[in-house]
Every structure is written in structure tokens, then in C-alpha cells.
């Protein structure tokens, strides 16, 4: 009795033919930020300051669903 594991693995002719087109892909991409000019650095810093000030002072409006649920229950 021959076992399935004893047979040599059959290589697909199609895979063999197109193997030369398959390229190795890098596993991780490396991104480098471009060097910014002094004006761009200053502008970015100002934008970040504005955003942080906004979030520091921003108060979210109360959620609406609570009042809508109360209105439905009163009907």
C-alpha cells in the first residue's frame, strides 16, 4: 500500500510558467515625512495650538435621544 505522503508533489505548469512575474513584496512600508520649511513648521505649530485650544474650550451639546425618548413615553 502506498501512502499519499510518499508521492512527490505535482507542480502546476501554470504556476511554474508565471513564477517569473511574481515579485517579492516588502512586509512593511517605511514612510518618511518631507522636510518642512521654517514657515511650514510655524504654520503647523499654530494649527496644532488652535486645535488644542478648541478642544480645551469645546463643550459638547447634550445628547438629543434622551429628550426624544421622554417625548415618546408621554404620548
PDB file of N, CA and C in Angstrom:
ATOM      1  N   UNK A   1       0.833  -1.187   0.000  1.00  0.00           N
ATOM      2  CA  UNK A   1       0.000   0.000   0.000  1.00  0.00           C
ATOM      3  C   UNK A   1       0.878   1.251   0.000  1.00  0.00           C
ATOM      4  N   UNK A   2       0.596   2.083  -0.938  1.00  0.00           N
ATOM      5  CA  UNK A   2       1.354   3.335  -0.961  1.00  0.00           C
ATOM      6  C   UNK A   2       0.533   4.420  -0.263  1.00  0.00           C
ATOM      7  N   UNK A   3       1.223   5.218   0.440  1.00  0.00           N
ATOM      8  CA  UNK A   3       0.557   6.299   1.153  1.00  0.00           C
ATOM      9  C   UNK A   3       0.618   7.563   0.303  1.00  0.00           C
ATOM     10  N   UNK A   4      -0.296   8.455   0.582  1.00  0.00           N
ATOM     11  CA  UNK A   4      -0.378   9.704  -0.169  1.00  0.00           C
ATOM     12  C   UNK A   4       0.876  10.565   0.042  1.00  0.00           C
ATOM     13  N   UNK A   5       1.453  10.490   1.226  1.00  0.00           N
ATOM     14  CA  UNK A   5       2.614  11.316   1.563  1.00  0.00           C
ATOM     15  C   UNK A   5       3.874  10.878   0.811  1.00  0.00           C
ATOM     16  N   UNK A   6       3.914   9.671   0.349  1.00  0.00           N
ATOM     17  CA  UNK A   6       5.096   9.160  -0.336  1.00  0.00           C
ATOM     18  C   UNK A   6       5.240   9.711  -1.754  1.00  0.00           C
ATOM     19  N   UNK A   7       4.141  10.176  -2.352  1.00  0.00           N
ATOM     20  CA  UNK A   7       4.188  10.671  -3.723  1.00  0.00           C
ATOM     21  C   UNK A   7       4.868  12.045  -3.768  1.00  0.00           C
ATOM     22  N   UNK A   8       5.659  12.298  -4.805  1.00  0.00           N
ATOM     23  CA  UNK A   8       6.227  13.653  -4.934  1.00  0.00           C
ATOM     24  C   UNK A   8       5.114  14.629  -5.323  1.00  0.00           C
ATOM     25  N   UNK A   9       5.221  15.835  -4.825  1.00  0.00           N
ATOM     26  CA  UNK A   9       4.188  16.834  -5.077  1.00  0.00           C
ATOM     27  C   UNK A   9       4.230  17.278  -6.538  1.00  0.00           C
ATOM     28  N   UNK A  10       3.082  17.314  -7.178  1.00  0.00           N
ATOM     29  CA  UNK A  10       2.979  17.714  -8.572  1.00  0.00           C
ATOM     30  C   UNK A  10       2.983  19.241  -8.653  1.00  0.00           C
ATOM     31  N   UNK A  11       3.854  19.794  -9.472  1.00  0.00           N
ATOM     32  CA  UNK A  11       3.964  21.237  -9.635  1.00  0.00           C
ATOM     33  C   UNK A  11       3.110  21.650 -10.825  1.00  0.00           C
ATOM     34  N   UNK A  12       2.275  22.639 -10.601  1.00  0.00           N
ATOM     35  CA  UNK A  12       1.399  23.124 -11.658  1.00  0.00           C
ATOM     36  C   UNK A  12       2.226  23.805 -12.745  1.00  0.00           C
ATOM     37  N   UNK A  13       1.958  23.458 -13.988  1.00  0.00           N
ATOM     38  CA  UNK A  13       2.683  24.040 -15.112  1.00  0.00           C
ATOM     39  C   UNK A  13       2.406  25.534 -15.216  1.00  0.00           C
ATOM     40  N   UNK A  14       1.194  25.915 -14.902  1.00  0.00           N
ATOM     41  CA  UNK A  14       0.816  27.332 -14.980  1.00  0.00           C
ATOM     42  C   UNK A  14       1.589  28.152 -13.940  1.00  0.00           C
ATOM     43  N   UNK A  15       1.687  27.628 -12.702  1.00  0.00           N
ATOM     44  CA  UNK A  15       2.437  28.319 -11.653  1.00  0.00           C
ATOM     45  C   UNK A  15       3.900  28.440 -12.035  1.00  0.00           C
ATOM     46  N   UNK A  16       4.432  27.391 -12.600  1.00  0.00           N
ATOM     47  CA  UNK A  16       5.836  27.389 -12.989  1.00  0.00           C
ATOM     48  C   UNK A  16       6.101  28.407 -14.097  1.00  0.00           C
ATOM     49  N   UNK A  17       5.161  28.509 -15.028  1.00  0.00           N
ATOM     50  CA  UNK A  17       5.310  29.415 -16.160  1.00  0.00           C
ATOM     51  C   UNK A  17       5.267  30.880 -15.718  1.00  0.00           C
ATOM     52  N   UNK A  18       4.382  31.212 -14.763  1.00  0.00           N
ATOM     53  CA  UNK A  18       4.195  32.600 -14.364  1.00  0.00           C
ATOM     54  C   UNK A  18       4.967  32.979 -13.099  1.00  0.00           C
ATOM     55  N   UNK A  19       5.808  32.118 -12.598  1.00  0.00           N
ATOM     56  CA  UNK A  19       6.576  32.411 -11.385  1.00  0.00           C
ATOM     57  C   UNK A  19       7.534  33.583 -11.596  1.00  0.00           C
ATOM     58  N   UNK A  20       8.021  33.751 -12.823  1.00  0.00           N
ATOM     59  CA  UNK A  20       8.978  34.833 -13.080  1.00  0.00           C
ATOM     60  C   UNK A  20       8.334  36.215 -12.950  1.00  0.00           C
ATOM     61  N   UNK A  21       7.011  36.306 -13.061  1.00  0.00           N
ATOM     62  CA  UNK A  21       6.326  37.596 -12.956  1.00  0.00           C
ATOM     63  C   UNK A  21       5.994  37.963 -11.513  1.00  0.00           C
ATOM     64  N   UNK A  22       6.029  36.990 -10.641  1.00  0.00           N
ATOM     65  CA  UNK A  22       5.679  37.225  -9.247  1.00  0.00           C
ATOM     66  C   UNK A  22       6.866  37.851  -8.528  1.00  0.00           C
ATOM     67  N   UNK A  23       6.667  39.008  -7.927  1.00  0.00           N
ATOM     68  CA  UNK A  23       7.769  39.708  -7.275  1.00  0.00           C
ATOM     69  C   UNK A  23       7.605  39.626  -5.758  1.00  0.00           C
ATOM     70  N   UNK A  24       8.734  39.670  -5.076  1.00  0.00           N
ATOM     71  CA  UNK A  24       8.723  39.690  -3.610  1.00  0.00           C
ATOM     72  C   UNK A  24       8.256  41.076  -3.174  1.00  0.00           C
ATOM     73  N   UNK A  25       7.309  41.105  -2.229  1.00  0.00           N
ATOM     74  CA  UNK A  25       6.803  42.381  -1.734  1.00  0.00           C
ATOM     75  C   UNK A  25       7.354  42.623  -0.334  1.00  0.00           C
ATOM     76  N   UNK A  26       7.762  43.851  -0.043  1.00  0.00           N
ATOM     77  CA  UNK A  26       8.274  44.114   1.309  1.00  0.00           C
ATOM     78  C   UNK A  26       7.147  43.979   2.333  1.00  0.00           C
ATOM     79  N   UNK A  27       7.478  43.440   3.501  1.00  0.00           N
ATOM     80  CA  UNK A  27       6.452  43.188   4.511  1.00  0.00           C
ATOM     81  C   UNK A  27       5.997  44.463   5.195  1.00  0.00           C
ATOM     82  N   UNK A  28       6.866  45.452   5.319  1.00  0.00           N
ATOM     83  CA  UNK A  28       6.462  46.694   5.977  1.00  0.00           C
ATOM     84  C   UNK A  28       6.904  47.882   5.133  1.00  0.00           C
ATOM     85  N   UNK A  29       6.034  48.863   5.096  1.00  0.00           N
ATOM     86  CA  UNK A  29       6.338  50.071   4.340  1.00  0.00           C
ATOM     87  C   UNK A  29       6.972  51.087   5.287  1.00  0.00           C
ATOM     88  N   UNK A  30       7.955  51.811   4.804  1.00  0.00           N
ATOM     89  CA  UNK A  30       8.580  52.852   5.612  1.00  0.00           C
ATOM     90  C   UNK A  30       8.247  54.204   4.992  1.00  0.00           C
ATOM     91  N   UNK A  31       7.713  55.076   5.805  1.00  0.00           N
ATOM     92  CA  UNK A  31       7.343  56.403   5.338  1.00  0.00           C
ATOM     93  C   UNK A  31       8.210  57.430   6.045  1.00  0.00           C
ATOM     94  N   UNK A  32       8.691  58.393   5.314  1.00  0.00           N
ATOM     95  CA  UNK A  32       9.471  59.476   5.887  1.00  0.00           C
ATOM     96  C   UNK A  32       8.750  60.790   5.582  1.00  0.00           C
ATOM     97  N   UNK A  33       8.569  61.583   6.614  1.00  0.00           N
ATOM     98  CA  UNK A  33       7.918  62.879   6.419  1.00  0.00           C
ATOM     99  C   UNK A  33       8.872  63.791   5.656  1.00  0.00           C
ATOM    100  N   UNK A  34       8.346  64.584   4.743  1.00  0.00           N
ATOM    101  CA  UNK A  34       9.221  65.501   3.999  1.00  0.00           C
ATOM    102  C   UNK A  34       9.726  66.617   4.923  1.00  0.00           C
ATOM    103  N   UNK A  35      10.894  67.127   4.605  1.00  0.00           N
ATOM    104  CA  UNK A  35      11.441  68.236   5.381  1.00  0.00           C
ATOM    105  C   UNK A  35      10.622  69.481   5.095  1.00  0.00           C
ATOM    106  N   UNK A  36      10.158  70.131   6.164  1.00  0.00           N
ATOM    107  CA  UNK A  36       9.333  71.324   6.007  1.00  0.00           C
ATOM    108  C   UNK A  36      10.196  72.573   6.167  1.00  0.00           C
ATOM    109  N   UNK A  37       9.776  73.625   5.476  1.00  0.00           N
ATOM    110  CA  UNK A  37      10.485  74.894   5.630  1.00  0.00           C
ATOM    111  C   UNK A  37      10.090  75.510   6.971  1.00  0.00           C
ATOM    112  N   UNK A  38      10.792  76.567   7.367  1.00  0.00           N
ATOM    113  CA  UNK A  38      10.516  77.209   8.654  1.00  0.00           C
ATOM    114  C   UNK A  38       9.097  77.765   8.705  1.00  0.00           C
ATOM    115  N   UNK A  39       8.633  78.319   7.587  1.00  0.00           N
ATOM    116  CA  UNK A  39       7.268  78.859   7.527  1.00  0.00           C
ATOM    117  C   UNK A  39       6.247  77.749   7.737  1.00  0.00           C
ATOM    118  N   UNK A  40       6.467  76.609   7.085  1.00  0.00           N
ATOM    119  CA  UNK A  40       5.541  75.491   7.211  1.00  0.00           C
ATOM    120  C   UNK A  40       5.537  74.929   8.629  1.00  0.00           C
ATOM    121  N   UNK A  41       6.708  74.887   9.265  1.00  0.00           N
ATOM    122  CA  UNK A  41       6.800  74.396  10.644  1.00  0.00           C
ATOM    123  C   UNK A  41       6.028  75.324  11.572  1.00  0.00           C
ATOM    124  N   UNK A  42       6.194  76.646  11.381  1.00  0.00           N
ATOM    125  CA  UNK A  42       5.490  77.622  12.213  1.00  0.00           C
ATOM    126  C   UNK A  42       3.983  77.522  12.006  1.00  0.00           C
ATOM    127  N   UNK A  43       3.562  77.359  10.748  1.00  0.00           N
ATOM    128  CA  UNK A  43       2.131  77.250  10.448  1.00  0.00           C
ATOM    129  C   UNK A  43       1.542  75.989  11.083  1.00  0.00           C
ATOM    130  N   UNK A  44       2.279  74.914  11.011  1.00  0.00           N
ATOM    131  CA  UNK A  44       1.801  73.654  11.606  1.00  0.00           C
ATOM    132  C   UNK A  44       1.674  73.783  13.119  1.00  0.00           C
ATOM    133  N   UNK A  45       2.659  74.427  13.746  1.00  0.00           N
ATOM    134  CA  UNK A  45       2.620  74.627  15.195  1.00  0.00           C
ATOM    135  C   UNK A  45       1.407  75.468  15.589  1.00  0.00           C
ATOM    136  N   UNK A  46       1.121  76.528  14.817  1.00  0.00           N
ATOM    137  CA  UNK A  46      -0.038  77.378  15.093  1.00  0.00           C
ATOM    138  C   UNK A  46      -1.339  76.581  14.946  1.00  0.00           C
ATOM    139  N   UNK A  47      -1.427  75.776  13.903  1.00  0.00           N
ATOM    140  CA  UNK A  47      -2.625  74.951  13.693  1.00  0.00           C
ATOM    141  C   UNK A  47      -2.837  74.003  14.867  1.00  0.00           C
ATOM    142  N   UNK A  48      -1.765  73.372  15.324  1.00  0.00           N
ATOM    143  CA  UNK A  48      -1.885  72.446  16.457  1.00  0.00           C
ATOM    144  C   UNK A  48      -2.318  73.178  17.718  1.00  0.00           C
ATOM    145  N   UNK A  49      -1.815  74.409  17.921  1.00  0.00           N
ATOM    146  CA  UNK A  49      -2.214  75.197  19.083  1.00  0.00           C
ATOM    147  C   UNK A  49      -3.692  75.561  19.010  1.00  0.00           C
ATOM    148  N   UNK A  50      -4.159  75.960  17.815  1.00  0.00           N
ATOM    149  CA  UNK A  50      -5.582  76.298  17.643  1.00  0.00           C
ATOM    150  C   UNK A  50      -6.469  75.097  17.939  1.00  0.00           C
ATOM    151  N   UNK A  51      -6.065  73.944  17.437  1.00  0.00           N
ATOM    152  CA  UNK A  51      -6.856  72.729  17.658  1.00  0.00           C
ATOM    153  C   UNK A  51      -6.900  72.380  19.138  1.00  0.00           C
ATOM    154  N   UNK A  52      -5.753  72.460  19.804  1.00  0.00           N
ATOM    155  CA  UNK A  52      -5.732  72.136  21.239  1.00  0.00           C
ATOM    156  C   UNK A  52      -6.566  73.127  22.043  1.00  0.00           C
ATOM    157  N   UNK A  53      -6.538  74.418  21.676  1.00  0.00           N
ATOM    158  CA  UNK A  53      -7.370  75.412  22.367  1.00  0.00           C
ATOM    159  C   UNK A  53      -8.854  75.128  22.133  1.00  0.00           C
ATOM    160  N   UNK A  54      -9.193  74.746  20.910  1.00  0.00           N
ATOM    161  CA  UNK A  54     -10.588  74.427  20.597  1.00  0.00           C
ATOM    162  C   UNK A  54     -11.077  73.279  21.470  1.00  0.00           C
ATOM    163  N   UNK A  55     -10.312  72.185  21.535  1.00  0.00           N
ATOM    164  CA  UNK A  55     -10.744  71.025  22.315  1.00  0.00           C
ATOM    165  C   UNK A  55     -10.752  71.312  23.809  1.00  0.00           C
ATOM    166  N   UNK A  56      -9.901  72.251  24.250  1.00  0.00           N
ATOM    167  CA  UNK A  56      -9.883  72.605  25.661  1.00  0.00           C
ATOM    168  C   UNK A  56     -11.161  73.341  26.062  1.00  0.00           C
ATOM    169  N   UNK A  57     -11.673  74.193  25.154  1.00  0.00           N
ATOM    170  CA  UNK A  57     -12.836  75.015  25.489  1.00  0.00           C
ATOM    171  C   UNK A  57     -14.151  74.458  24.941  1.00  0.00           C
ATOM    172  N   UNK A  58     -14.104  73.455  24.101  1.00  0.00           N
ATOM    173  CA  UNK A  58     -15.311  72.933  23.442  1.00  0.00           C
ATOM    174  C   UNK A  58     -16.164  72.139  24.407  1.00  0.00           C
ATOM    175  N   UNK A  59     -17.436  72.485  24.489  1.00  0.00           N
ATOM    176  CA  UNK A  59     -18.386  71.736  25.300  1.00  0.00           C
ATOM    177  C   UNK A  59     -19.400  71.096  24.361  1.00  0.00           C
ATOM    178  N   UNK A  60     -19.525  69.807  24.453  1.00  0.00           N
ATOM    179  CA  UNK A  60     -20.446  69.110  23.557  1.00  0.00           C
ATOM    180  C   UNK A  60     -21.895  69.403  23.937  1.00  0.00           C
ATOM    181  N   UNK A  61     -22.765  69.567  22.947  1.00  0.00           N
ATOM    182  CA  UNK A  61     -24.185  69.784  23.270  1.00  0.00           C
ATOM    183  C   UNK A  61     -24.770  68.507  23.882  1.00  0.00           C
ATOM    184  N   UNK A  62     -25.789  68.643  24.719  1.00  0.00           N
ATOM    185  CA  UNK A  62     -26.374  67.444  25.339  1.00  0.00           C
ATOM    186  C   UNK A  62     -26.962  66.513  24.282  1.00  0.00           C
ATOM    187  N   UNK A  63     -26.976  65.228  24.577  1.00  0.00           N
ATOM    188  CA  UNK A  63     -27.490  64.261  23.622  1.00  0.00           C
ATOM    189  C   UNK A  63     -28.991  64.436  23.453  1.00  0.00           C
ATOM    190  N   UNK A  64     -29.463  64.281  22.219  1.00  0.00           N
ATOM    191  CA  UNK A  64     -30.873  64.515  21.902  1.00  0.00           C
ATOM    192  C   UNK A  64     -31.767  63.337  22.235  1.00  0.00           C
ATOM    193  N   UNK A  65     -31.235  62.128  22.166  1.00  0.00           N
ATOM    194  CA  UNK A  65     -32.099  60.966  22.264  1.00  0.00           C
ATOM    195  C   UNK A  65     -32.828  60.884  23.595  1.00  0.00           C
ATOM    196  N   UNK A  66     -32.293  61.500  24.664  1.00  0.00           N
ATOM    197  CA  UNK A  66     -32.941  61.441  25.971  1.00  0.00           C
ATOM    198  C   UNK A  66     -34.265  62.188  25.916  1.00  0.00           C
ATOM    199  N   UNK A  67     -34.263  63.420  25.364  1.00  0.00           N
ATOM    200  CA  UNK A  67     -35.500  64.189  25.295  1.00  0.00           C
ATOM    201  C   UNK A  67     -36.481  63.542  24.312  1.00  0.00           C
ATOM    202  N   UNK A  68     -35.989  62.959  23.226  1.00  0.00           N
ATOM    203  CA  UNK A  68     -36.883  62.304  22.277  1.00  0.00           C
ATOM    204  C   UNK A  68     -37.529  61.073  22.918  1.00  0.00           C
ATOM    205  N   UNK A  69     -36.780  60.357  23.732  1.00  0.00           N
ATOM    206  CA  UNK A  69     -37.342  59.179  24.406  1.00  0.00           C
ATOM    207  C   UNK A  69     -38.429  59.607  25.397  1.00  0.00           C
ATOM    208  N   UNK A  70     -38.200  60.723  26.115  1.00  0.00           N
ATOM    209  CA  UNK A  70     -39.212  61.217  27.061  1.00  0.00           C
ATOM    210  C   UNK A  70     -40.478  61.624  26.326  1.00  0.00           C
ATOM    211  N   UNK A  71     -40.311  62.284  25.162  1.00  0.00           N
ATOM    212  CA  UNK A  71     -41.462  62.724  24.374  1.00  0.00           C
ATOM    213  C   UNK A  71     -42.269  61.527  23.890  1.00  0.00           C
ATOM    214  N   UNK A  72     -41.605  60.461  23.499  1.00  0.00           N
ATOM    215  CA  UNK A  72     -42.312  59.254  23.045  1.00  0.00           C
ATOM    216  C   UNK A  72     -43.077  58.611  24.182  1.00  0.00           C
ATOM    217  N   UNK A  73     -42.508  58.602  25.382  1.00  0.00           N
ATOM    218  CA  UNK A  73     -43.172  57.937  26.513  1.00  0.00           C
ATOM    219  C   UNK A  73     -44.392  58.724  26.977  1.00  0.00           C
ATOM    220  N   UNK A  74     -44.433  60.040  26.717  1.00  0.00           N
ATOM    221  CA  UNK A  74     -45.580  60.852  27.151  1.00  0.00           C
ATOM    222  C   UNK A  74     -46.764  60.729  26.198  1.00  0.00           C
ATOM    223  N   UNK A  75     -46.591  60.185  25.035  1.00  0.00           N
ATOM    224  CA  UNK A  75     -47.689  60.079  24.066  1.00  0.00           C
ATOM    225  C   UNK A  75     -48.707  59.063  24.495  1.00  0.00           C
TER     226      UNK A  75
END
